[in-house]
Amino acid sequence: MTAGLQTIIYPVKDLDRAKALFSALLEVEPYADTPYYVGYKAAGQDVGLDPNGHGKGMTGPVPYWHVDDIRARLAALVAAGAEVLQDVQEVGGGRLIASAKDAEGNLIGLLQDA
């Protein structure tokens, strides 16, 4: 089951410049501000900046669907023809993420909280 799209991650090359832009856009300070991830919470959305995103195959922003069983959802996507870009991995605090690409090249992120 999915709880919908609640997170979007942007791959960025210049984290400081992207942080200034998104702070101005969202009018909030980041709740997470590290060299490997900057995260904002605004209007019920989680917006992240990933300076390593391009290296992980991200070609643009990735919407993340919040799911109850990330491994089952990823397997279902693969069975339906998607290609795994990033297998399930923990990113801290028990949060799991994974991503896939559909036949059209669209990126699909999955996220499961502990």
Foldseek 3Di string as FASTA:
>chain_A
DWPFFAEKEWADQDVVVVLVVVCVVQVDHFPDDDPAKTWDAHPRHIYMYGPCCVVLVDPGMETEIEDADVVVVVVVQVVVAWAWSAPWDDDDQQKIKTWIAHPVRHIYMYIYHD
